């Protein structure tokens, strides 16, 4: 059995602004969390307002942002950034390499 090194959460959606205006715009968001420390290791966003949103999270990550802190944050509605604080379940787990006994077999 492999140990999880990190978990990855991601979302792709059409922001409310695009939905109401009929625009085809979409947003992609992703963050990676260390399984051992629960710290947010990385965060990506593609879409409108990405630079400002990511910059704000960069400050929080330098201060040691954890997944628990994201989960405890109330999202500003209706904004795209609220998606980051509502992604509760990982979409993937990134595993460490195989255990040593598997490599030597």
PDB file of N, CA and C in Angstrom:
ATOM      1  N   UNK A   1       0.846  -1.181   0.000  1.00  0.00           N
ATOM      2  CA  UNK A   1       0.000   0.000   0.000  1.00  0.00           C
ATOM      3  C   UNK A   1       0.891   1.243   0.000  1.00  0.00           C
ATOM      4  N   UNK A   2       0.535   2.219  -0.800  1.00  0.00           N
ATOM      5  CA  UNK A   2       1.301   3.451  -0.903  1.00  0.00           C
ATOM      6  C   UNK A   2       0.776   4.491   0.081  1.00  0.00           C
ATOM      7  N   UNK A   3       1.678   5.263   0.640  1.00  0.00           N
ATOM      8  CA  UNK A   3       1.280   6.345   1.534  1.00  0.00           C
ATOM      9  C   UNK A   3       1.013   7.601   0.699  1.00  0.00           C
ATOM     10  N   UNK A   4      -0.016   8.327   1.051  1.00  0.00           N
ATOM     11  CA  UNK A   4      -0.314   9.572   0.332  1.00  0.00           C
ATOM     12  C   UNK A   4       0.692  10.637   0.747  1.00  0.00           C
ATOM     13  N   UNK A   5       1.309  11.277  -0.230  1.00  0.00           N
ATOM     14  CA  UNK A   5       2.246  12.361   0.038  1.00  0.00           C
ATOM     15  C   UNK A   5       1.519  13.701   0.029  1.00  0.00           C
ATOM     16  N   UNK A   6       0.492  13.780  -0.804  1.00  0.00           N
ATOM     17  CA  UNK A   6      -0.269  15.028  -0.919  1.00  0.00           C
ATOM     18  C   UNK A   6      -1.642  14.725  -1.493  1.00  0.00           C
ATOM     19  N   UNK A   7      -2.545  15.640  -1.277  1.00  0.00           N
ATOM     20  CA  UNK A   7      -3.861  15.525  -1.907  1.00  0.00           C
ATOM     21  C   UNK A   7      -4.061  16.740  -2.799  1.00  0.00           C
ATOM     22  N   UNK A   8      -4.803  16.527  -3.861  1.00  0.00           N
ATOM     23  CA  UNK A   8      -5.022  17.565  -4.851  1.00  0.00           C
ATOM     24  C   UNK A   8      -6.527  17.785  -4.992  1.00  0.00           C
ATOM     25  N   UNK A   9      -6.950  19.024  -4.936  1.00  0.00           N
ATOM     26  CA  UNK A   9      -8.354  19.375  -5.140  1.00  0.00           C
ATOM     27  C   UNK A   9      -8.429  20.321  -6.317  1.00  0.00           C
ATOM     28  N   UNK A  10      -9.415  20.095  -7.184  1.00  0.00           N
ATOM     29  CA  UNK A  10      -9.548  20.973  -8.335  1.00  0.00           C
ATOM     30  C   UNK A  10     -11.010  21.154  -8.712  1.00  0.00           C
ATOM     31  N   UNK A  11     -11.277  22.250  -9.390  1.00  0.00           N
ATOM     32  CA  UNK A  11     -12.633  22.567  -9.835  1.00  0.00           C
ATOM     33  C   UNK A  11     -12.568  23.340 -11.141  1.00  0.00           C
ATOM     34  N   UNK A  12     -13.494  23.056 -12.018  1.00  0.00           N
ATOM     35  CA  UNK A  12     -13.681  23.809 -13.251  1.00  0.00           C
ATOM     36  C   UNK A  12     -15.146  24.211 -13.277  1.00  0.00           C
ATOM     37  N   UNK A  13     -15.403  25.479 -13.512  1.00  0.00           N
ATOM     38  CA  UNK A  13     -16.789  25.924 -13.477  1.00  0.00           C
ATOM     39  C   UNK A  13     -16.972  27.193 -14.290  1.00  0.00           C
ATOM     40  N   UNK A  14     -18.196  27.523 -14.529  1.00  0.00           N
ATOM     41  CA  UNK A  14     -18.568  28.768 -15.179  1.00  0.00           C
ATOM     42  C   UNK A  14     -18.955  29.757 -14.093  1.00  0.00           C
ATOM     43  N   UNK A  15     -18.242  30.877 -13.967  1.00  0.00           N
ATOM     44  CA  UNK A  15     -18.570  31.828 -12.908  1.00  0.00           C
ATOM     45  C   UNK A  15     -19.960  32.441 -13.113  1.00  0.00           C
ATOM     46  N   UNK A  16     -20.563  32.847 -12.014  1.00  0.00           N
ATOM     47  CA  UNK A  16     -21.904  33.416 -12.058  1.00  0.00           C
ATOM     48  C   UNK A  16     -21.998  34.584 -13.036  1.00  0.00           C
ATOM     49  N   UNK A  17     -20.968  35.427 -13.053  1.00  0.00           N
ATOM     50  CA  UNK A  17     -20.951  36.586 -13.958  1.00  0.00           C
ATOM     51  C   UNK A  17     -21.103  36.129 -15.419  1.00  0.00           C
ATOM     52  N   UNK A  18     -20.421  35.052 -15.784  1.00  0.00           N
ATOM     53  CA  UNK A  18     -20.508  34.532 -17.154  1.00  0.00           C
ATOM     54  C   UNK A  18     -21.855  33.876 -17.402  1.00  0.00           C
ATOM     55  N   UNK A  19     -22.359  33.199 -16.418  1.00  0.00           N
ATOM     56  CA  UNK A  19     -23.652  32.530 -16.564  1.00  0.00           C
ATOM     57  C   UNK A  19     -24.758  33.548 -16.817  1.00  0.00           C
ATOM     58  N   UNK A  20     -24.780  34.619 -16.031  1.00  0.00           N
ATOM     59  CA  UNK A  20     -25.825  35.641 -16.172  1.00  0.00           C
ATOM     60  C   UNK A  20     -25.718  36.421 -17.478  1.00  0.00           C
ATOM     61  N   UNK A  21     -24.485  36.639 -17.930  1.00  0.00           N
ATOM     62  CA  UNK A  21     -24.286  37.429 -19.151  1.00  0.00           C
ATOM     63  C   UNK A  21     -24.306  36.578 -20.423  1.00  0.00           C
ATOM     64  N   UNK A  22     -24.299  35.265 -20.253  1.00  0.00           N
ATOM     65  CA  UNK A  22     -24.308  34.381 -21.414  1.00  0.00           C
ATOM     66  C   UNK A  22     -22.946  34.151 -22.030  1.00  0.00           C
ATOM     67  N   UNK A  23     -21.875  34.611 -21.361  1.00  0.00           N
ATOM     68  CA  UNK A  23     -20.519  34.406 -21.873  1.00  0.00           C
ATOM     69  C   UNK A  23     -20.075  32.961 -21.637  1.00  0.00           C
ATOM     70  N   UNK A  24     -19.187  32.444 -22.476  1.00  0.00           N
ATOM     71  CA  UNK A  24     -18.735  31.059 -22.322  1.00  0.00           C
ATOM     72  C   UNK A  24     -17.555  30.907 -21.349  1.00  0.00           C
ATOM     73  N   UNK A  25     -17.161  31.968 -20.660  1.00  0.00           N
ATOM     74  CA  UNK A  25     -15.980  31.952 -19.793  1.00  0.00           C
ATOM     75  C   UNK A  25     -16.060  30.823 -18.758  1.00  0.00           C
ATOM     76  N   UNK A  26     -14.890  30.249 -18.468  1.00  0.00           N
ATOM     77  CA  UNK A  26     -14.780  29.199 -17.455  1.00  0.00           C
ATOM     78  C   UNK A  26     -13.581  29.516 -16.571  1.00  0.00           C
ATOM     79  N   UNK A  27     -13.564  28.921 -15.399  1.00  0.00           N
ATOM     80  CA  UNK A  27     -12.460  29.105 -14.455  1.00  0.00           C
ATOM     81  C   UNK A  27     -11.986  27.734 -14.004  1.00  0.00           C
ATOM     82  N   UNK A  28     -10.658  27.590 -13.880  1.00  0.00           N
ATOM     83  CA  UNK A  28     -10.060  26.366 -13.354  1.00  0.00           C
ATOM     84  C   UNK A  28      -9.280  26.729 -12.099  1.00  0.00           C
ATOM     85  N   UNK A  29      -9.466  25.949 -11.042  1.00  0.00           N
ATOM     86  CA  UNK A  29      -8.760  26.165  -9.778  1.00  0.00           C
ATOM     87  C   UNK A  29      -8.223  24.826  -9.272  1.00  0.00           C
ATOM     88  N   UNK A  30      -7.056  24.898  -8.634  1.00  0.00           N
ATOM     89  CA  UNK A  30      -6.459  23.688  -8.086  1.00  0.00           C
ATOM     90  C   UNK A  30      -5.573  24.069  -6.911  1.00  0.00           C
ATOM     91  N   UNK A  31      -5.554  23.229  -5.875  1.00  0.00           N
ATOM     92  CA  UNK A  31      -4.553  23.393  -4.822  1.00  0.00           C
ATOM     93  C   UNK A  31      -4.065  22.033  -4.361  1.00  0.00           C
ATOM     94  N   UNK A  32      -2.836  22.031  -3.857  1.00  0.00           N
ATOM     95  CA  UNK A  32      -2.175  20.805  -3.401  1.00  0.00           C
ATOM     96  C   UNK A  32      -1.860  20.962  -1.922  1.00  0.00           C
ATOM     97  N   UNK A  33      -2.191  19.923  -1.153  1.00  0.00           N
ATOM     98  CA  UNK A  33      -2.021  19.955   0.298  1.00  0.00           C
ATOM     99  C   UNK A  33      -1.126  18.794   0.725  1.00  0.00           C
ATOM    100  N   UNK A  34      -0.144  19.071   1.581  1.00  0.00           N
ATOM    101  CA  UNK A  34       0.740  18.041   2.123  1.00  0.00           C
ATOM    102  C   UNK A  34      -0.065  17.138   3.057  1.00  0.00           C
ATOM    103  N   UNK A  35      -0.002  15.840   2.835  1.00  0.00           N
ATOM    104  CA  UNK A  35      -0.760  14.890   3.655  1.00  0.00           C
ATOM    105  C   UNK A  35      -0.251  14.855   5.098  1.00  0.00           C
ATOM    106  N   UNK A  36       1.029  15.077   5.275  1.00  0.00           N
ATOM    107  CA  UNK A  36       1.618  14.991   6.614  1.00  0.00           C
ATOM    108  C   UNK A  36       1.370  16.246   7.454  1.00  0.00           C
ATOM    109  N   UNK A  37       1.552  17.421   6.864  1.00  0.00           N
ATOM    110  CA  UNK A  37       1.466  18.672   7.632  1.00  0.00           C
ATOM    111  C   UNK A  37       0.147  19.425   7.443  1.00  0.00           C
ATOM    112  N   UNK A  38      -0.635  19.048   6.418  1.00  0.00           N
ATOM    113  CA  UNK A  38      -1.893  19.719   6.093  1.00  0.00           C
ATOM    114  C   UNK A  38      -1.678  21.130   5.539  1.00  0.00           C
ATOM    115  N   UNK A  39      -0.427  21.493   5.214  1.00  0.00           N
ATOM    116  CA  UNK A  39      -0.139  22.819   4.645  1.00  0.00           C
ATOM    117  C   UNK A  39      -0.455  22.835   3.154  1.00  0.00           C
ATOM    118  N   UNK A  40      -0.916  23.983   2.692  1.00  0.00           N
ATOM    119  CA  UNK A  40      -1.161  24.174   1.266  1.00  0.00           C
ATOM    120  C   UNK A  40       0.196  24.392   0.601  1.00  0.00           C
ATOM    121  N   UNK A  41       0.548  23.487  -0.325  1.00  0.00           N
ATOM    122  CA  UNK A  41       1.854  23.532  -0.987  1.00  0.00           C
ATOM    123  C   UNK A  41       1.843  24.359  -2.262  1.00  0.00           C
ATOM    124  N   UNK A  42       0.709  24.391  -2.929  1.00  0.00           N
ATOM    125  CA  UNK A  42       0.621  25.117  -4.181  1.00  0.00           C
ATOM    126  C   UNK A  42      -0.819  25.411  -4.518  1.00  0.00           C
ATOM    127  N   UNK A  43      -1.013  26.433  -5.337  1.00  0.00           N
ATOM    128  CA  UNK A  43      -2.355  26.864  -5.697  1.00  0.00           C
ATOM    129  C   UNK A  43      -2.301  27.440  -7.098  1.00  0.00           C
ATOM    130  N   UNK A  44      -3.213  27.024  -7.940  1.00  0.00           N
ATOM    131  CA  UNK A  44      -3.247  27.486  -9.331  1.00  0.00           C
ATOM    132  C   UNK A  44      -4.650  27.946  -9.669  1.00  0.00           C
ATOM    133  N   UNK A  45      -4.728  28.937 -10.539  1.00  0.00           N
ATOM    134  CA  UNK A  45      -6.023  29.411 -11.004  1.00  0.00           C
ATOM    135  C   UNK A  45      -5.864  29.979 -12.404  1.00  0.00           C
ATOM    136  N   UNK A  46      -6.783  29.631 -13.297  1.00  0.00           N
ATOM    137  CA  UNK A  46      -6.841  30.191 -14.644  1.00  0.00           C
ATOM    138  C   UNK A  46      -8.236  30.769 -14.823  1.00  0.00           C
ATOM    139  N   UNK A  47      -8.303  32.023 -15.190  1.00  0.00           N
ATOM    140  CA  UNK A  47      -9.597  32.659 -15.405  1.00  0.00           C
ATOM    141  C   UNK A  47      -9.554  34.111 -14.974  1.00  0.00           C
ATOM    142  N   UNK A  48     -10.703  34.751 -15.115  1.00  0.00           N
ATOM    143  CA  UNK A  48     -10.801  36.165 -14.781  1.00  0.00           C
ATOM    144  C   UNK A  48     -10.435  36.425 -13.316  1.00  0.00           C
ATOM    145  N   UNK A  49      -9.714  37.489 -13.080  1.00  0.00           N
ATOM    146  CA  UNK A  49      -9.285  37.931 -11.747  1.00  0.00           C
ATOM    147  C   UNK A  49      -8.251  37.012 -11.082  1.00  0.00           C
ATOM    148  N   UNK A  50      -7.680  36.085 -11.832  1.00  0.00           N
ATOM    149  CA  UNK A  50      -6.693  35.156 -11.265  1.00  0.00           C
ATOM    150  C   UNK A  50      -5.510  35.840 -10.597  1.00  0.00           C
ATOM    151  N   UNK A  51      -4.887  36.856 -11.217  1.00  0.00           N
ATOM    152  CA  UNK A  51      -3.702  37.453 -10.590  1.00  0.00           C
ATOM    153  C   UNK A  51      -3.964  37.994  -9.182  1.00  0.00           C
ATOM    154  N   UNK A  52      -5.064  38.702  -9.016  1.00  0.00           N
ATOM    155  CA  UNK A  52      -5.360  39.293  -7.707  1.00  0.00           C
ATOM    156  C   UNK A  52      -5.682  38.216  -6.673  1.00  0.00           C
ATOM    157  N   UNK A  53      -6.418  37.204  -7.092  1.00  0.00           N
ATOM    158  CA  UNK A  53      -6.815  36.131  -6.172  1.00  0.00           C
ATOM    159  C   UNK A  53      -5.598  35.321  -5.741  1.00  0.00           C
ATOM    160  N   UNK A  54      -4.772  34.939  -6.697  1.00  0.00           N
ATOM    161  CA  UNK A  54      -3.587  34.127  -6.379  1.00  0.00           C
ATOM    162  C   UNK A  54      -2.611  34.909  -5.510  1.00  0.00           C
ATOM    163  N   UNK A  55      -2.459  36.207  -5.758  1.00  0.00           N
ATOM    164  CA  UNK A  55      -1.553  37.023  -4.938  1.00  0.00           C
ATOM    165  C   UNK A  55      -1.989  37.014  -3.477  1.00  0.00           C
ATOM    166  N   UNK A  56      -3.278  37.114  -3.238  1.00  0.00           N
ATOM    167  CA  UNK A  56      -3.778  37.070  -1.860  1.00  0.00           C
ATOM    168  C   UNK A  56      -3.481  35.735  -1.185  1.00  0.00           C
ATOM    169  N   UNK A  57      -3.648  34.662  -1.918  1.00  0.00           N
ATOM    170  CA  UNK A  57      -3.341  33.349  -1.354  1.00  0.00           C
ATOM    171  C   UNK A  57      -1.842  33.150  -1.163  1.00  0.00           C
ATOM    172  N   UNK A  58      -1.021  33.778  -2.008  1.00  0.00           N
ATOM    173  CA  UNK A  58       0.433  33.665  -1.862  1.00  0.00           C
ATOM    174  C   UNK A  58       0.882  34.191  -0.504  1.00  0.00           C
ATOM    175  N   UNK A  59       0.311  35.286  -0.066  1.00  0.00           N
ATOM    176  CA  UNK A  59       0.639  35.845   1.252  1.00  0.00           C
ATOM    177  C   UNK A  59       0.251  34.854   2.346  1.00  0.00           C
ATOM    178  N   UNK A  60      -0.944  34.290   2.238  1.00  0.00           N
ATOM    179  CA  UNK A  60      -1.416  33.318   3.238  1.00  0.00           C
ATOM    180  C   UNK A  60      -0.536  32.064   3.242  1.00  0.00           C
ATOM    181  N   UNK A  61      -0.113  31.618   2.065  1.00  0.00           N
ATOM    182  CA  UNK A  61       0.733  30.423   1.991  1.00  0.00           C
ATOM    183  C   UNK A  61       2.102  30.680   2.615  1.00  0.00           C
ATOM    184  N   UNK A  62       2.659  31.860   2.414  1.00  0.00           N
ATOM    185  CA  UNK A  62       3.941  32.191   3.052  1.00  0.00           C
ATOM    186  C   UNK A  62       3.812  32.200   4.572  1.00  0.00           C
ATOM    187  N   UNK A  63       2.607  32.481   5.051  1.00  0.00           N
ATOM    188  CA  UNK A  63       2.346  32.495   6.496  1.00  0.00           C
ATOM    189  C   UNK A  63       1.984  31.105   7.022  1.00  0.00           C
ATOM    190  N   UNK A  64       1.993  30.075   6.149  1.00  0.00           N
ATOM    191  CA  UNK A  64       1.744  28.706   6.595  1.00  0.00           C
ATOM    192  C   UNK A  64       0.306  28.234   6.463  1.00  0.00           C
ATOM    193  N   UNK A  65      -0.426  28.724   5.478  1.00  0.00           N
ATOM    194  CA  UNK A  65      -1.829  28.362   5.264  1.00  0.00           C
ATOM    195  C   UNK A  65      -2.033  26.849   5.286  1.00  0.00           C
ATOM    196  N   UNK A  66      -3.033  26.391   6.031  1.00  0.00           N
ATOM    197  CA  UNK A  66      -3.374  24.963   6.080  1.00  0.00           C
ATOM    198  C   UNK A  66      -4.743  24.726   5.455  1.00  0.00           C
ATOM    199  N   UNK A  67      -4.988  23.472   5.110  1.00  0.00           N
ATOM    200  CA  UNK A  67      -6.293  23.095   4.550  1.00  0.00           C
ATOM    201  C   UNK A  67      -7.399  23.354   5.565  1.00  0.00           C
ATOM    202  N   UNK A  68      -7.124  23.122   6.836  1.00  0.00           N
ATOM    203  CA  UNK A  68      -8.121  23.368   7.883  1.00  0.00           C
ATOM    204  C   UNK A  68      -8.514  24.845   7.925  1.00  0.00           C
ATOM    205  N   UNK A  69      -7.543  25.724   7.703  1.00  0.00           N
ATOM    206  CA  UNK A  69      -7.848  27.162   7.686  1.00  0.00           C
ATOM    207  C   UNK A  69      -8.697  27.529   6.469  1.00  0.00           C
ATOM    208  N   UNK A  70      -8.412  26.898   5.327  1.00  0.00           N
ATOM    209  CA  UNK A  70      -9.256  27.128   4.148  1.00  0.00           C
ATOM    210  C   UNK A  70     -10.686  26.681   4.434  1.00  0.00           C
ATOM    211  N   UNK A  71     -10.820  25.502   5.028  1.00  0.00           N
ATOM    212  CA  UNK A  71     -12.149  24.955   5.323  1.00  0.00           C
ATOM    213  C   UNK A  71     -12.921  25.820   6.318  1.00  0.00           C
ATOM    214  N   UNK A  72     -12.211  26.510   7.200  1.00  0.00           N
ATOM    215  CA  UNK A  72     -12.859  27.346   8.220  1.00  0.00           C
ATOM    216  C   UNK A  72     -13.178  28.753   7.721  1.00  0.00           C
ATOM    217  N   UNK A  73     -12.790  29.056   6.483  1.00  0.00           N
ATOM    218  CA  UNK A  73     -13.002  30.383   5.925  1.00  0.00           C
ATOM    219  C   UNK A  73     -14.359  30.476   5.245  1.00  0.00           C
ATOM    220  N   UNK A  74     -15.068  31.553   5.498  1.00  0.00           N
ATOM    221  CA  UNK A  74     -16.348  31.794   4.842  1.00  0.00           C
ATOM    222  C   UNK A  74     -16.068  32.489   3.512  1.00  0.00           C
ATOM    223  N   UNK A  75     -16.546  31.907   2.432  1.00  0.00           N
ATOM    224  CA  UNK A  75     -16.321  32.483   1.113  1.00  0.00           C
ATOM    225  C   UNK A  75     -17.175  33.712   0.870  1.00  0.00           C
ATOM    226  N   UNK A  76     -16.643  34.624   0.089  1.00  0.00           N
ATOM    227  CA  UNK A  76     -17.381  35.831  -0.282  1.00  0.00           C
ATOM    228  C   UNK A  76     -18.272  35.462  -1.465  1.00  0.00           C
ATOM    229  N   UNK A  77     -19.580  35.615  -1.289  1.00  0.00           N
ATOM    230  CA  UNK A  77     -20.534  35.202  -2.314  1.00  0.00           C
ATOM    231  C   UNK A  77     -21.202  36.427  -2.929  1.00  0.00           C
ATOM    232  N   UNK A  78     -21.405  36.502  -4.189  1.00  0.00           N
ATOM    233  CA  UNK A  78     -21.026  35.536  -5.219  1.00  0.00           C
ATOM    234  C   UNK A  78     -19.710  35.932  -5.889  1.00  0.00           C
ATOM    235  N   UNK A  79     -18.662  35.225  -5.619  1.00  0.00           N
ATOM    236  CA  UNK A  79     -17.373  35.453  -6.277  1.00  0.00           C
ATOM    237  C   UNK A  79     -16.771  34.111  -6.653  1.00  0.00           C
ATOM    238  N   UNK A  80     -15.853  34.137  -7.576  1.00  0.00           N
ATOM    239  CA  UNK A  80     -15.176  32.897  -7.972  1.00  0.00           C
ATOM    240  C   UNK A  80     -14.279  32.369  -6.871  1.00  0.00           C
ATOM    241  N   UNK A  81     -13.676  33.268  -6.092  1.00  0.00           N
ATOM    242  CA  UNK A  81     -12.715  32.846  -5.080  1.00  0.00           C
ATOM    243  C   UNK A  81     -13.347  31.965  -4.001  1.00  0.00           C
ATOM    244  N   UNK A  82     -14.652  32.064  -3.816  1.00  0.00           N
ATOM    245  CA  UNK A  82     -15.283  31.241  -2.789  1.00  0.00           C
ATOM    246  C   UNK A  82     -15.124  29.750  -3.091  1.00  0.00           C
ATOM    247  N   UNK A  83     -14.858  29.409  -4.343  1.00  0.00           N
ATOM    248  CA  UNK A  83     -14.663  28.005  -4.703  1.00  0.00           C
ATOM    249  C   UNK A  83     -13.453  27.411  -3.977  1.00  0.00           C
ATOM    250  N   UNK A  84     -12.390  28.197  -3.773  1.00  0.00           N
ATOM    251  CA  UNK A  84     -11.210  27.694  -3.070  1.00  0.00           C
ATOM    252  C   UNK A  84     -11.532  27.244  -1.648  1.00  0.00           C
ATOM    253  N   UNK A  85     -12.444  27.930  -0.986  1.00  0.00           N
ATOM    254  CA  UNK A  85     -12.736  27.579   0.408  1.00  0.00           C
ATOM    255  C   UNK A  85     -13.893  26.591   0.536  1.00  0.00           C
ATOM    256  N   UNK A  86     -14.465  26.171  -0.595  1.00  0.00           N
ATOM    257  CA  UNK A  86     -15.532  25.166  -0.537  1.00  0.00           C
ATOM    258  C   UNK A  86     -15.110  23.827  -1.127  1.00  0.00           C
ATOM    259  N   UNK A  87     -13.879  23.723  -1.637  1.00  0.00           N
ATOM    260  CA  UNK A  87     -13.380  22.435  -2.143  1.00  0.00           C
ATOM    261  C   UNK A  87     -12.964  21.593  -0.942  1.00  0.00           C
ATOM    262  N   UNK A  88     -13.851  20.770  -0.458  1.00  0.00           N
ATOM    263  CA  UNK A  88     -13.618  20.004   0.766  1.00  0.00           C
ATOM    264  C   UNK A  88     -12.992  18.631   0.509  1.00  0.00           C
ATOM    265  N   UNK A  89     -13.357  18.014  -0.584  1.00  0.00           N
ATOM    266  CA  UNK A  89     -12.921  16.638  -0.861  1.00  0.00           C
ATOM    267  C   UNK A  89     -11.861  16.625  -1.948  1.00  0.00           C
ATOM    268  N   UNK A  90     -10.718  15.987  -1.680  1.00  0.00           N
ATOM    269  CA  UNK A  90      -9.672  15.910  -2.715  1.00  0.00           C
ATOM    270  C   UNK A  90     -10.171  15.162  -3.949  1.00  0.00           C
ATOM    271  N   UNK A  91      -9.745  15.609  -5.110  1.00  0.00           N
ATOM    272  CA  UNK A  91     -10.093  14.911  -6.342  1.00  0.00           C
ATOM    273  C   UNK A  91      -9.068  13.828  -6.667  1.00  0.00           C
ATOM    274  N   UNK A  92      -7.859  13.962  -6.111  1.00  0.00           N
ATOM    275  CA  UNK A  92      -6.792  12.968  -6.314  1.00  0.00           C
ATOM    276  C   UNK A  92      -5.871  12.951  -5.113  1.00  0.00           C
ATOM    277  N   UNK A  93      -5.177  11.835  -4.951  1.00  0.00           N
ATOM    278  CA  UNK A  93      -4.122  11.739  -3.946  1.00  0.00           C
ATOM    279  C   UNK A  93      -2.834  11.439  -4.693  1.00  0.00           C
ATOM    280  N   UNK A  94      -1.792  12.172  -4.353  1.00  0.00           N
ATOM    281  CA  UNK A  94      -0.479  11.972  -4.959  1.00  0.00           C
ATOM    282  C   UNK A  94       0.314  11.120  -3.980  1.00  0.00           C
ATOM    283  N   UNK A  95       0.798   9.988  -4.456  1.00  0.00           N
ATOM    284  CA  UNK A  95       1.447   9.036  -3.566  1.00  0.00           C
ATOM    285  C   UNK A  95       2.963   9.148  -3.608  1.00  0.00           C
ATOM    286  N   UNK A  96       3.566   8.742  -2.495  1.00  0.00           N
ATOM    287  CA  UNK A  96       5.009   8.553  -2.481  1.00  0.00           C
ATOM    288  C   UNK A  96       5.312   7.384  -3.394  1.00  0.00           C
ATOM    289  N   UNK A  97       6.560   7.150  -3.675  1.00  0.00           N
ATOM    290  CA  UNK A  97       6.943   6.008  -4.484  1.00  0.00           C
ATOM    291  C   UNK A  97       6.566   4.700  -3.801  1.00  0.00           C
ATOM    292  N   UNK A  98       6.723   3.589  -4.498  1.00  0.00           N
ATOM    293  CA  UNK A  98       6.365   2.299  -3.914  1.00  0.00           C
ATOM    294  C   UNK A  98       7.243   1.978  -2.709  1.00  0.00           C
ATOM    295  N   UNK A  99       6.730   1.173  -1.773  1.00  0.00           N
ATOM    296  CA  UNK A  99       7.529   0.801  -0.618  1.00  0.00           C
ATOM    297  C   UNK A  99       8.809   0.071  -1.064  1.00  0.00           C
ATOM    298  N   UNK A 100       9.884   0.138  -0.271  1.00  0.00           N
ATOM    299  CA  UNK A 100      11.154  -0.486  -0.660  1.00  0.00           C
ATOM    300  C   UNK A 100      11.032  -1.963  -1.003  1.00  0.00           C
ATOM    301  N   UNK A 101      10.188  -2.703  -0.307  1.00  0.00           N
ATOM    302  CA  UNK A 101      10.060  -4.143  -0.591  1.00  0.00           C
ATOM    303  C   UNK A 101       9.521  -4.401  -1.989  1.00  0.00           C
ATOM    304  N   UNK A 102       8.741  -3.496  -2.552  1.00  0.00           N
ATOM    305  CA  UNK A 102       8.224  -3.658  -3.901  1.00  0.00           C
ATOM    306  C   UNK A 102       9.341  -3.419  -4.914  1.00  0.00           C
ATOM    307  N   UNK A 103      10.205  -2.455  -4.638  1.00  0.00           N
ATOM    308  CA  UNK A 103      11.305  -2.148  -5.557  1.00  0.00           C
ATOM    309  C   UNK A 103      12.326  -3.282  -5.645  1.00  0.00           C
ATOM    310  N   UNK A 104      12.537  -3.983  -4.551  1.00  0.00           N
ATOM    311  CA  UNK A 104      13.571  -5.016  -4.559  1.00  0.00           C
ATOM    312  C   UNK A 104      13.052  -6.359  -5.041  1.00  0.00           C
ATOM    313  N   UNK A 105      11.778  -6.494  -5.272  1.00  0.00           N
ATOM    314  CA  UNK A 105      11.199  -7.772  -5.697  1.00  0.00           C
ATOM    315  C   UNK A 105      11.492  -8.073  -7.150  1.00  0.00           C
TER     316      UNK A 105
END
